Structures are given as structure tokens and as C-alpha cells.
């Protein structure tokens, strides 16, 4: 459950396109017909036209569609769905008025049952590529109780086109910002904030950053919401420090939306595609957002990652705690601990929990969160997990429970080998990418740790992304 925006990276992105070999925009757009053969891992329909792949967001296998070619590369074309000529049996009417132009939720017109089936099949397919993982029990995907309005944080790019302020995502291969509008996946408070910011930026005539000319002030808008308290933290990512204009914008925002209790400015002067810079300045309100997931209270810093779906995150935490089966005599090691969500839940049962995270600000939050919850049996260290494990060799008690919650790219093979060398009683892996999960489970299998069971969780309804919680134990001789 690490940082990523659950939208198809092949169509839209929250950061500018890389300069190496971008898709070429089509000035004279043509509309073609194509039959869709399959979905890729991002839920984009894939067909063929004139010897090239054609990618169409919102199209499903077995459908015949008409699509406008918007961009073209050496091997594929990117099309925008115009009309469905032959429908998938599980196609439904989109609840979003801008889903075809935004294309951020390519599965929003597929029935809930169809979405869960796709995610189950995707996980099973990823694991089946490795002989060591065949035959693993994969439980049915845990469906979200609330498939809309669940996103509690958003990272959105700011742009201007024909004088109109847009807040949304970059269309792939371009610097064209697609406005997300009143997004049905966002918590209502996020949509309210986006609307006010859009109006105020236009009213106050604040310059929006142009990534081509590399001029302007406002680059990104990020919002974090506590659904438990109905409060929000807003961060404006700017190309340079600007107290005067940002303070005026912050005051207008907090006046119109009292639920905004914190406004921050993050300075990112780089020309790259990373959202946050190194410097964050508090403009108004409190420095962190107070939140709660399940029984755990949390403080979240402006640039710290936290899960976008609180209800499903709470279910994952509960499952990890159940599978860990800790007592006061047990030690738990939480790698990629972030702000401590998993570690703090384990600490309620364990004798001692040690968390490792490379992001220093997240470690600061984790330590504060341990104090906030009255948990004195937690320690957190900032640094590279592999290097810290080397330093801890020989100092950790045998039979520990180890949890892994890496980013989308998964774990370094050397880290997995180090985990296996610690002879843990159990490893619990929380993954946001089935392909890297399967690769890492195979490496663990080669090092004496076998996967026992897997529980998928639908963290991101209407998209192709799925979380998977896996229980891993030493192989029985």
C-alpha cells in the first residue's frame, strides 16, 4: 500500500511525461474501429489496428469500439473511446460525467463483479508464472463496502489551457492537463477544495507553472482528508518560495472551507517529474493532519504517504495482526513501515516492534504516532532497510515475525535473502503490484520460505489496482 496514484499510467499521469521517446500527438485525429482482445495490467483495453496495438481506456475484451487516435508511437496507438459498437455483457452506465475524457478510472463502466473477477485473475496469472507458487490458495477479493468517495488523498497537477484553470492529471505523452472535475472517487471534501482552489487561482490571477517553458508558480495541489474528523490538509507545490501570493490563497481557501485546518507550501524547483521538493513551509494552521484508522490514531505530515482508502486499510491492518498471531514474548520487524500503520497495530500484541523506513519525515510521524497511541514498545529507524538489517544481524531474536510493505517496485533481492537468513517464524507481505509480488515470493521460496495463502483486497475500486496480503512461513522438511 505504498505511494501510487491508482490510475492507468499508460493514459494519464500525475507528473509530466519523460522526455525520452514520448508518444507523438496526432494533429489530424482519425476515428478507427477495433476489436478489443484483452486488458493490460492497468485495465486498458488492448486491440490491434493496421499492424499496431491500439490502447483504449474504458474498452473491454470482446467489444468492438470506435476510437479517436490521439497519440502514436512506434509500436502502439493511444485511442480515446468514442462509441461502443458491440458491448461486453458486464458493461454498465458510467456514474461519472467526465469518465471518457478523464479516463482515470478505466473500469468504472465494468460491473463490480467484473472488476473483482479481473483482479482475481490478474493475481492468479502473476503467481502462476512461477512453478514455486503454483497451487497457492488465493481467497476471493475482499470487495470495498464503499466503491465511491473512498479516496482520502489526492495529488493533482495544475495547468491552464485557453485561460482556463485545470486541476487533474497529465494526458500521457503530453503536457495537456485533464481536469478531474467532481470526481466520484474522491472524498467529497477533496472535490470541494479543488473547486475553490480552481476559482481562487483564476480570481487572484496566480501564475500556473508551464512545464514546457518552465515558468510559473503553482505546480501541484495535494490534499489529505481525515474522514473520521472531516478535516483536511492542503499542500501547494510551487516552483519557488512565495509567501505573499500563497498566504493570500491559503486565507481565502480556509475562509471558504473551515474544514481545511492546515495549508502548506512545498517548494519544488526541479525540472523532473517528482511531485515534492525537499522544503515544506507551513502557511496556516497545524503542521500535521490528525487521522484515525481503526483503533489507531495517526499524525500525517504533508509529504508523508498514507493509504487512500481508510476502510480497506483498516481491514488489511486487522488481517496482518491476525496472521501475525503475536504474544508479549514475540518480536516483530516491520520493513517499509511508513508512518507506522502496520507496526502500531502489531505493537498492541507484541513484546517489541522495530520499524524501518527510508523517509525521515515518515519516521518522525511514526515515533509521534507511537506516543499518541501510548505504545512504548515501538522503535523506528530511518534508513535503507537492507543496510540496517546487515547491522542488526546477530542482534535480532530468532523466530521473529517480519512484515513487508514495499512500494510498487517490490523488494530488492538482497533484502529478501537477508529476511530469509533471519529465520523468521512468519513473513507477511502486503503488496500493491501482483507482478513484483510474484517475483519476490519466488525469491523467498528459493530461500526456504513458502507462501501459504493470499488475500486480495480491493483498495481501489473502479481501477485495475489491487492489494494482496500474503502469509509466508518456513518450508516444512
Protein backbone atom coordinates (compact mmCIF):
# COMPACT_ATOMS: atom_id res chain seq x y z
CA UNK A 1 0.00 0.00 0.00
CA UNK A 2 2.71 2.35 -0.97
CA UNK A 3 2.60 5.62 -2.88
CA UNK A 4 0.98 5.45 -6.24
CA UNK A 5 -1.96 7.09 -7.81
CA UNK A 6 -4.35 4.33 -8.85
CA UNK A 7 -4.85 5.50 -12.39
CA UNK A 8 -3.61 3.92 -15.63
CA UNK A 9 -0.05 5.12 -16.16
CA UNK A 10 -0.41 4.41 -19.86
CA UNK A 11 -3.09 7.09 -20.24
CA UNK A 12 -2.78 9.68 -17.51
CA UNK A 13 -0.11 10.60 -15.01
CA UNK A 14 0.21 12.98 -12.09
CA UNK A 15 3.66 14.05 -13.24
CA UNK A 16 4.93 15.28 -16.61
CA UNK A 17 5.88 12.76 -19.30
CA UNK A 18 9.51 11.76 -19.53
CA UNK A 19 11.42 13.31 -22.40
CA UNK A 20 12.67 10.02 -23.84
CA UNK A 21 10.56 8.87 -26.75
CA UNK A 22 7.13 10.27 -25.85
CA UNK A 23 4.07 9.27 -27.83
CA UNK A 24 3.51 11.57 -30.78
CA UNK A 25 0.27 13.57 -30.68
CA UNK A 26 -1.97 13.33 -33.73
CA UNK A 27 -2.97 16.76 -35.01
CA UNK A 28 -5.39 15.35 -37.57
CA UNK A 29 -7.13 12.84 -35.36
CA UNK A 30 -8.84 9.98 -37.12
CA UNK A 31 -11.52 7.66 -35.79
CA UNK A 32 -10.99 3.94 -36.31
CA UNK A 33 -12.79 0.74 -35.39
CA UNK A 34 -11.05 -2.00 -33.42
CA UNK A 35 -11.87 -5.24 -31.61
CA UNK A 36 -10.55 -5.44 -28.05
CA UNK A 37 -8.77 -8.67 -27.22
CA UNK A 38 -7.64 -8.18 -23.62
CA UNK A 39 -7.00 -5.78 -20.75
CA UNK A 40 -3.47 -4.86 -19.73
CA UNK A 41 -2.45 -4.66 -16.07
CA UNK A 42 -3.73 -1.08 -15.87
CA UNK A 43 -7.20 -2.06 -17.09
CA UNK A 44 -6.73 -0.51 -20.54
CA UNK A 45 -8.38 -2.31 -23.46
CA UNK A 46 -5.86 -3.64 -26.00
CA UNK A 47 -6.66 -4.36 -29.64
CA UNK A 48 -4.87 -4.10 -32.98
CA UNK A 49 -5.25 -1.73 -35.89
CA UNK A 50 -3.10 -1.61 -39.03
CA UNK A 51 -0.41 -3.80 -37.51
CA UNK A 52 -0.07 -1.82 -34.28
CA UNK A 53 -1.53 -2.23 -30.83
CA UNK A 54 -4.27 0.23 -30.01
CA UNK A 55 -4.89 1.10 -26.37
CA UNK A 56 -8.38 2.32 -25.45
CA UNK A 57 -9.27 3.18 -21.85
CA UNK A 58 -12.81 2.12 -20.98
CA UNK A 59 -12.96 -0.67 -23.57
CA UNK A 60 -13.25 -4.34 -22.55
CA UNK A 61 -12.39 -7.73 -24.11
CA UNK A 62 -14.82 -8.87 -26.77
CA UNK A 63 -16.01 -5.36 -27.52
CA UNK A 64 -15.87 -3.64 -30.88
CA UNK A 65 -15.29 0.07 -30.43
CA UNK A 66 -14.78 3.27 -32.36
CA UNK A 67 -11.86 5.28 -31.02
CA UNK A 68 -10.12 8.51 -31.94
CA UNK A 69 -6.34 8.17 -32.30
CA UNK A 70 -4.83 10.83 -30.04
CA UNK A 71 -1.19 9.78 -29.94
CA UNK A 72 1.01 7.34 -31.82
CA UNK A 73 4.32 5.68 -31.04
CA UNK A 74 6.47 3.18 -32.89
CA UNK A 75 4.57 0.15 -31.62
CA UNK A 76 1.21 1.39 -30.38
CA UNK A 77 -1.53 3.93 -30.74
CA UNK A 78 -3.43 5.61 -27.93
CA UNK A 79 -7.13 5.97 -28.65
CA UNK A 80 -10.00 7.73 -26.91
CA UNK A 81 -13.23 5.78 -26.78
CA UNK A 82 -15.94 7.35 -28.90
CA UNK A 83 -18.58 4.64 -29.25
CA UNK A 84 -19.10 1.03 -28.21
CA UNK A 85 -20.33 -0.87 -31.23
CA UNK A 86 -20.50 -4.29 -29.56
CA UNK A 87 -20.82 -4.35 -25.74
CA UNK A 88 -19.27 -6.52 -23.04
CA UNK A 89 -22.08 -8.32 -21.12
CA UNK A 90 -20.92 -6.74 -17.82
CA UNK A 91 -20.72 -3.16 -19.14
CA UNK A 92 -22.72 -0.67 -17.07
CA UNK A 93 -23.54 3.04 -17.39
CA UNK A 94 -20.80 5.26 -16.00
CA UNK A 95 -21.74 7.19 -12.84
CA UNK A 96 -19.19 9.85 -13.82
CA UNK A 97 -19.95 12.52 -16.38
CA UNK A 98 -16.32 13.02 -17.38
CA UNK A 99 -15.03 9.42 -17.26
CA UNK A 100 -14.41 9.28 -21.01
CA UNK A 101 -12.40 12.50 -21.14
CA UNK A 102 -10.58 11.92 -17.83
CA UNK A 103 -10.04 8.17 -18.38
CA UNK A 104 -8.63 7.94 -14.86
CA UNK A 105 -10.93 5.08 -13.87
CA UNK A 106 -10.87 2.73 -16.86
CA UNK A 107 -13.02 0.08 -15.14
CA UNK A 108 -15.78 2.37 -13.90
CA UNK A 109 -18.13 1.08 -16.62
CA UNK A 110 -17.48 -2.57 -15.72
CA UNK A 111 -19.77 -4.15 -13.14
CA UNK A 112 -18.40 -4.64 -9.60
CA UNK A 113 -18.43 -8.40 -10.17
CA UNK A 114 -16.48 -7.98 -13.40
CA UNK A 115 -13.89 -5.80 -11.69
CA UNK A 116 -13.33 -8.31 -8.88
CA UNK A 117 -13.04 -11.14 -11.38
CA UNK A 118 -10.38 -9.21 -13.33
CA UNK A 119 -8.35 -8.56 -10.18
CA UNK A 120 -8.59 -12.16 -9.02
CA UNK A 121 -7.46 -13.39 -12.44
CA UNK A 122 -4.62 -10.89 -12.55
CA UNK A 123 -3.19 -12.13 -9.24
CA UNK A 124 -3.63 -15.78 -10.18
CA UNK A 125 -1.93 -15.18 -13.54
CA UNK A 126 1.04 -13.41 -11.93
CA UNK A 127 1.63 -16.20 -9.41
CA UNK A 128 1.18 -18.99 -11.97
CA UNK A 129 4.25 -17.85 -13.90
CA UNK A 130 6.46 -19.31 -11.18
CA UNK A 131 6.48 -23.08 -10.50
CA UNK A 132 7.22 -22.43 -6.83
CA UNK A 133 3.94 -20.53 -6.46
CA UNK A 134 1.51 -22.80 -8.26
CA UNK A 135 -1.32 -24.21 -6.20
CA UNK A 136 -1.32 -21.38 -3.64
CA UNK A 137 -4.71 -20.70 -2.13
CA UNK A 138 -5.95 -17.28 -3.30
CA UNK A 139 -9.04 -16.18 -1.40
CA UNK A 140 -11.77 -14.18 -3.16
CA UNK A 141 -11.05 -10.45 -3.36
CA UNK A 142 -12.42 -8.52 -0.38
CA UNK A 143 -14.79 -6.03 -2.03
CA UNK A 144 -14.96 -2.45 -0.79
CA UNK A 145 -18.11 -1.56 1.11
CA UNK A 146 -17.98 1.93 -0.39
CA UNK A 147 -16.72 1.82 -4.00
CA UNK A 148 -17.11 5.60 -4.44
CA UNK A 149 -15.92 8.58 -2.42
CA UNK A 150 -13.19 6.48 -0.83
CA UNK A 151 -10.07 8.41 -1.89
CA UNK A 152 -8.88 10.39 1.12
CA UNK A 153 -5.82 11.91 -0.53
CA UNK A 154 -5.03 13.21 -3.98
CA UNK A 155 -2.00 14.53 -5.86
CA UNK A 156 -3.18 16.68 -8.74
CA UNK A 157 -1.30 18.71 -11.33
CA UNK A 158 -2.29 22.30 -12.03
CA UNK A 159 -2.43 23.70 -15.54
CA UNK A 160 -4.00 26.33 -17.74
CA UNK A 161 -5.46 25.99 -21.21
CA UNK A 162 -7.07 28.82 -23.18
CA UNK A 163 -7.16 30.85 -19.98
CA UNK A 164 -8.99 28.12 -18.05
CA UNK A 165 -7.51 26.72 -14.84
CA UNK A 166 -7.37 22.93 -14.84
CA UNK A 167 -6.63 20.66 -11.88
CA UNK A 168 -6.18 17.00 -12.65
CA UNK A 169 -3.70 14.74 -14.43
CA UNK A 170 -1.44 14.86 -17.47
CA UNK A 171 -2.63 13.03 -20.52
CA UNK A 172 0.07 10.54 -21.49
CA UNK A 173 2.72 11.86 -23.86
CA UNK A 174 1.62 15.48 -23.48
CA UNK A 175 1.60 18.39 -21.04
CA UNK A 176 -2.16 18.69 -21.51
CA UNK A 177 -3.89 18.68 -18.11
CA UNK A 178 -7.20 16.82 -17.98
CA UNK A 179 -9.42 18.32 -15.26
CA UNK A 180 -10.86 15.69 -12.91
CA UNK A 181 -14.00 17.72 -12.25
CA UNK A 182 -16.25 16.50 -9.44
CA UNK A 183 -14.52 13.12 -9.14
CA UNK A 184 -16.81 10.35 -7.77
CA UNK A 185 -13.81 8.53 -6.28
CA UNK A 186 -12.63 11.48 -4.21
CA UNK A 187 -13.87 12.15 -0.71
CA UNK A 188 -16.43 14.98 -1.09
CA UNK A 189 -14.17 17.36 0.83
CA UNK A 190 -11.42 16.90 -1.78
CA UNK A 191 -13.80 17.87 -4.58
CA UNK A 192 -14.94 20.91 -2.59
CA UNK A 193 -11.34 22.03 -2.07
CA UNK A 194 -10.42 21.52 -5.73
CA UNK A 195 -13.37 23.64 -6.86
CA UNK A 196 -12.48 26.52 -4.53
CA UNK A 197 -8.78 26.41 -5.44
CA UNK A 198 -9.64 26.45 -9.13
CA UNK A 199 -11.82 29.53 -8.68
CA UNK A 200 -9.40 31.37 -6.38
CA UNK A 201 -6.36 30.80 -8.60
CA UNK A 202 -8.29 32.29 -11.52
CA UNK A 203 -9.69 35.14 -9.41
CA UNK A 204 -6.32 36.07 -7.88
CA UNK A 205 -4.57 35.63 -11.25
CA UNK A 206 -1.83 33.41 -9.84
CA UNK A 207 0.52 32.05 -12.50
CA UNK A 208 0.29 28.30 -13.05
CA UNK A 209 3.53 26.51 -13.89
CA UNK A 210 4.21 25.71 -17.55
CA UNK A 211 6.47 22.59 -17.69
CA UNK A 212 7.46 23.30 -21.30
CA UNK A 213 8.56 26.90 -20.72
CA UNK A 214 9.47 26.08 -17.09
CA UNK A 215 7.81 29.26 -15.89
CA UNK A 216 5.06 29.95 -13.37
CA UNK A 217 4.39 29.31 -9.70
CA UNK A 218 1.76 26.67 -8.92
CA UNK A 219 2.72 23.13 -9.94
CA UNK A 220 0.65 20.66 -7.90
CA UNK A 221 -2.20 20.58 -5.44
CA UNK A 222 -2.19 17.79 -2.85
CA UNK A 223 -5.00 17.17 -0.39
CA UNK A 224 -5.17 14.80 2.59
CA UNK A 225 -8.50 14.24 4.34
CA UNK A 226 -9.33 12.65 7.68
CA UNK A 227 -12.76 11.10 7.07
CA UNK A 228 -13.10 10.38 10.79
CA UNK A 229 -12.77 14.08 11.70
CA UNK A 230 -13.82 15.58 8.33
CA UNK A 231 -10.73 17.80 8.32
CA UNK A 232 -8.23 18.41 5.54
CA UNK A 233 -4.61 19.38 4.93
CA UNK A 234 -3.78 21.17 1.67
CA UNK A 235 -0.30 21.49 0.19
CA UNK A 236 0.54 23.72 -2.75
CA UNK A 237 3.67 22.59 -4.57
CA UNK A 238 5.36 25.64 -6.09
CA UNK A 239 8.34 26.26 -8.33
CA UNK A 240 9.76 28.78 -5.84
CA UNK A 241 9.10 30.29 -2.43
CA UNK A 242 6.22 32.75 -2.42
CA UNK A 243 4.76 33.85 0.88
CA UNK A 244 2.68 36.77 -0.35
CA UNK A 245 0.55 35.08 -3.01
CA UNK A 246 0.36 31.72 -1.23
CA UNK A 247 -0.69 33.29 2.07
CA UNK A 248 -3.50 35.16 0.31
CA UNK A 249 -4.61 31.97 -1.43
CA UNK A 250 -4.40 29.97 1.83
CA UNK A 251 -6.52 32.52 3.72
CA UNK A 252 -9.19 32.55 1.03
CA UNK A 253 -9.32 28.75 0.99
CA UNK A 254 -9.57 28.33 4.78
CA UNK A 255 -12.22 31.06 4.97
CA UNK A 256 -14.43 29.39 2.36
CA UNK A 257 -13.79 25.86 3.69
CA UNK A 258 -13.30 25.86 7.50
CA UNK A 259 -12.59 22.11 7.37
CA UNK A 260 -9.17 22.99 5.93
CA UNK A 261 -7.11 23.15 9.12
CA UNK A 262 -3.64 23.18 7.53
CA UNK A 263 -2.20 24.82 4.42
CA UNK A 264 1.41 24.11 3.44
CA UNK A 265 3.78 25.20 0.69
CA UNK A 266 6.23 22.68 -0.69
CA UNK A 267 8.98 24.10 -2.91
CA UNK A 268 10.00 22.01 -5.91
CA UNK A 269 12.27 23.92 -8.30
CA UNK A 270 13.44 20.82 -10.18
CA UNK A 271 12.55 20.15 -13.80
CA UNK A 272 11.98 16.45 -13.16
CA UNK A 273 8.76 14.52 -12.62
CA UNK A 274 8.89 14.17 -8.83
CA UNK A 275 5.93 15.88 -7.15
CA UNK A 276 7.50 17.03 -3.88
CA UNK A 277 10.65 19.04 -3.27
CA UNK A 278 12.73 18.93 -0.10
CA UNK A 279 11.43 22.11 1.57
CA UNK A 280 7.97 22.36 3.14
CA UNK A 281 6.73 25.55 4.79
CA UNK A 282 3.62 25.89 6.95
CA UNK A 283 1.38 28.73 5.74
CA UNK A 284 -1.64 28.38 8.03
CA UNK A 285 -2.92 26.04 10.71
CA UNK A 286 -1.39 22.90 12.20
CA UNK A 287 1.78 21.19 10.92
CA UNK A 288 0.28 17.69 10.60
CA UNK A 289 -3.14 16.15 9.97
CA UNK A 290 -4.62 14.09 12.80
CA UNK A 291 -6.36 10.98 11.50
CA UNK A 292 -7.61 7.60 12.66
CA UNK A 293 -7.75 4.17 11.02
CA UNK A 294 -9.50 1.50 13.05
CA UNK A 295 -8.40 1.96 16.65
CA UNK A 296 -5.11 3.64 15.73
CA UNK A 297 -4.70 7.41 15.82
CA UNK A 298 -2.19 8.88 13.38
CA UNK A 299 -0.44 12.15 12.61
CA UNK A 300 0.36 12.56 8.93
CA UNK A 301 2.87 15.09 7.59
CA UNK A 302 2.26 16.98 4.31
CA UNK A 303 4.64 14.84 2.23
CA UNK A 304 4.22 11.52 4.07
CA UNK A 305 2.46 8.69 2.28
CA UNK A 306 -0.69 7.22 3.69
CA UNK A 307 -3.34 4.90 2.32
CA UNK A 308 -6.08 6.39 0.17
CA UNK A 309 -8.86 4.05 1.35
CA UNK A 310 -9.26 4.07 5.13
CA UNK A 311 -11.89 1.31 5.36
CA UNK A 312 -9.87 -1.17 3.33
CA UNK A 313 -6.63 -0.15 5.05
CA UNK A 314 -8.24 -0.98 8.39
CA UNK A 315 -9.19 -4.43 7.07
CA UNK A 316 -5.61 -5.03 5.93
CA UNK A 317 -4.21 -3.95 9.30
CA UNK A 318 -6.61 -6.29 11.08
CA UNK A 319 -5.67 -9.20 8.82
CA UNK A 320 -1.93 -8.61 9.26
CA UNK A 321 -2.41 -8.50 13.01
CA UNK A 322 -4.46 -11.71 12.94
CA UNK A 323 -1.95 -13.60 10.79
CA UNK A 324 1.00 -12.33 12.85
CA UNK A 325 -0.52 -14.02 15.94
CA UNK A 326 1.86 -12.26 18.33
CA UNK A 327 2.23 -12.51 22.09
CA UNK A 328 4.16 -10.43 24.62
CA UNK A 329 7.11 -12.79 24.18
CA UNK A 330 7.35 -12.05 20.44
CA UNK A 331 9.42 -9.60 18.39
CA UNK A 332 8.13 -8.08 15.13
CA UNK A 333 10.13 -6.33 12.42
CA UNK A 334 8.21 -4.01 10.08
CA UNK A 335 10.10 -3.12 6.89
CA UNK A 336 8.93 -0.14 4.81
CA UNK A 337 6.94 0.93 7.87
CA UNK A 338 5.94 4.40 6.64
CA UNK A 339 4.19 6.37 9.39
CA UNK A 340 3.71 3.17 11.39
CA UNK A 341 0.25 1.93 10.41
CA UNK A 342 1.13 -1.78 10.49
CA UNK A 343 3.76 -1.54 13.24
CA UNK A 344 1.41 0.18 15.68
CA UNK A 345 -1.23 -2.49 15.19
CA UNK A 346 1.33 -5.24 15.80
CA UNK A 347 2.59 -3.43 18.92
CA UNK A 348 -0.77 -3.97 20.63
CA UNK A 349 0.09 -7.69 20.89
CA UNK A 350 3.89 -7.96 20.58
CA UNK A 351 6.60 -7.56 23.17
CA UNK A 352 8.62 -5.30 20.87
CA UNK A 353 8.24 -3.91 17.34
CA UNK A 354 11.02 -2.38 15.27
CA UNK A 355 10.13 -0.39 12.16
CA UNK A 356 12.43 0.68 9.32
CA UNK A 357 11.62 3.35 6.74
CA UNK A 358 13.84 5.32 4.35
CA UNK A 359 11.76 8.54 4.52
CA UNK A 360 12.85 10.51 7.60
CA UNK A 361 9.67 12.56 7.86
CA UNK A 362 7.61 9.36 7.91
CA UNK A 363 9.81 8.02 10.73
CA UNK A 364 9.19 11.24 12.67
CA UNK A 365 5.46 10.66 12.24
CA UNK A 366 5.80 7.00 13.25
CA UNK A 367 7.53 7.92 16.52
CA UNK A 368 4.91 10.58 17.26
CA UNK A 369 2.14 8.10 16.46
CA UNK A 370 3.55 5.56 18.90
CA UNK A 371 3.43 8.23 21.64
CA UNK A 372 -0.03 9.34 20.52
CA UNK A 373 -1.35 5.77 20.96
CA UNK A 374 0.51 5.13 24.21
CA UNK A 375 2.60 2.33 22.68
CA UNK A 376 6.02 2.28 24.28
CA UNK A 377 7.23 -0.98 22.76
CA UNK A 378 7.94 0.51 19.31
CA UNK A 379 11.24 1.70 17.84
CA UNK A 380 11.64 3.29 14.43
CA UNK A 381 14.80 3.92 12.42
CA UNK A 382 15.27 5.96 9.25
CA UNK A 383 17.49 4.39 6.61
CA UNK A 384 17.87 1.75 3.95
CA UNK A 385 16.25 -1.49 5.14
CA UNK A 386 18.96 -3.67 3.61
CA UNK A 387 21.79 -1.80 5.33
CA UNK A 388 20.01 -1.73 8.69
CA UNK A 389 19.34 -5.46 8.51
CA UNK A 390 23.07 -6.03 7.99
CA UNK A 391 23.77 -4.03 11.14
CA UNK A 392 21.14 -5.98 13.08
CA UNK A 393 22.43 -9.43 12.11
CA UNK A 394 23.02 -11.39 15.30
CA UNK A 395 21.10 -8.92 17.48
CA UNK A 396 17.57 -9.94 16.47
CA UNK A 397 15.88 -12.76 18.39
CA UNK A 398 15.13 -15.91 16.37
CA UNK A 399 11.59 -16.68 15.33
CA UNK A 400 10.53 -13.08 14.73
CA UNK A 401 7.54 -12.07 12.62
CA UNK A 402 8.55 -9.83 9.71
CA UNK A 403 6.17 -7.66 7.69
CA UNK A 404 6.98 -6.24 4.25
CA UNK A 405 5.04 -3.38 2.67
CA UNK A 406 7.24 -2.17 -0.20
CA UNK A 407 6.48 0.33 -2.97
CA UNK A 408 5.19 -0.85 -6.31
CA UNK A 409 8.64 -1.97 -7.48
CA UNK A 410 8.79 -4.57 -4.72
CA UNK A 411 11.82 -5.60 -2.66
CA UNK A 412 15.50 -5.79 -3.51
CA UNK A 413 16.55 -9.47 -3.90
CA UNK A 414 19.35 -8.98 -1.38
CA UNK A 415 16.86 -7.69 1.17
CA UNK A 416 14.68 -10.77 0.68
CA UNK A 417 17.72 -13.02 1.14
CA UNK A 418 18.56 -11.15 4.34
CA UNK A 419 14.97 -11.60 5.57
CA UNK A 420 15.19 -15.35 4.96
CA UNK A 421 18.56 -15.54 6.74
CA UNK A 422 16.92 -14.21 9.92
CA UNK A 423 14.90 -17.45 10.14
CA UNK A 424 11.57 -15.72 10.83
CA UNK A 425 8.63 -17.65 12.21
CA UNK A 426 6.39 -15.92 9.70
CA UNK A 427 6.59 -13.26 6.99
CA UNK A 428 3.56 -11.20 5.96
CA UNK A 429 3.88 -9.34 2.68
CA UNK A 430 1.48 -6.52 1.72
CA UNK A 431 1.76 -5.77 -1.99
CA UNK A 432 0.22 -3.27 -4.40
CA UNK A 433 1.54 -4.97 -7.55
CA UNK A 434 0.87 -8.66 -8.39
CA UNK A 435 3.86 -8.95 -10.75
CA UNK A 436 6.53 -7.76 -8.33
CA UNK A 437 4.80 -9.70 -5.56
CA UNK A 438 5.09 -12.94 -7.54
CA UNK A 439 8.75 -12.26 -8.31
CA UNK A 440 9.54 -11.61 -4.64
CA UNK A 441 7.60 -14.65 -3.39
CA UNK A 442 9.59 -16.82 -5.78
CA UNK A 443 12.85 -15.42 -4.38
CA UNK A 444 11.65 -16.17 -0.84
CA UNK A 445 10.68 -19.69 -1.93
CA UNK A 446 14.21 -20.24 -3.22
CA UNK A 447 15.44 -19.22 0.23
CA UNK A 448 13.31 -21.63 2.24
CA UNK A 449 10.13 -19.58 2.79
CA UNK A 450 6.91 -20.84 1.21
CA UNK A 451 3.73 -18.90 0.53
CA UNK A 452 0.80 -20.36 2.45
CA UNK A 453 -2.15 -18.18 1.48
CA UNK A 454 -3.03 -14.91 -0.23
CA UNK A 455 -5.88 -12.50 0.46
CA UNK A 456 -6.57 -9.84 -2.21
CA UNK A 457 -8.22 -6.60 -1.07
CA UNK A 458 -9.97 -4.18 -3.42
CA UNK A 459 -8.29 -0.99 -2.21
CA UNK A 460 -9.00 0.94 -5.42
CA UNK A 461 -12.47 0.23 -6.91
CA UNK A 462 -13.05 1.42 -10.49
CA UNK A 463 -9.35 0.93 -11.29
CA UNK A 464 -7.28 -2.15 -12.09
CA UNK A 465 -5.13 -1.92 -8.97
CA UNK A 466 -5.41 -4.42 -6.14
CA UNK A 467 -3.68 -5.01 -2.81
CA UNK A 468 -2.67 -8.51 -1.77
CA UNK A 469 -1.80 -9.70 1.73
CA UNK A 470 0.29 -12.90 1.75
CA UNK A 471 1.23 -15.23 4.62
CA UNK A 472 4.65 -16.87 4.25
CA UNK A 473 6.22 -19.49 6.53
CA UNK A 474 9.35 -21.71 6.60
CA UNK A 475 9.13 -24.74 4.36
CA UNK A 476 8.30 -27.92 6.15
CA UNK A 477 11.09 -30.51 5.87
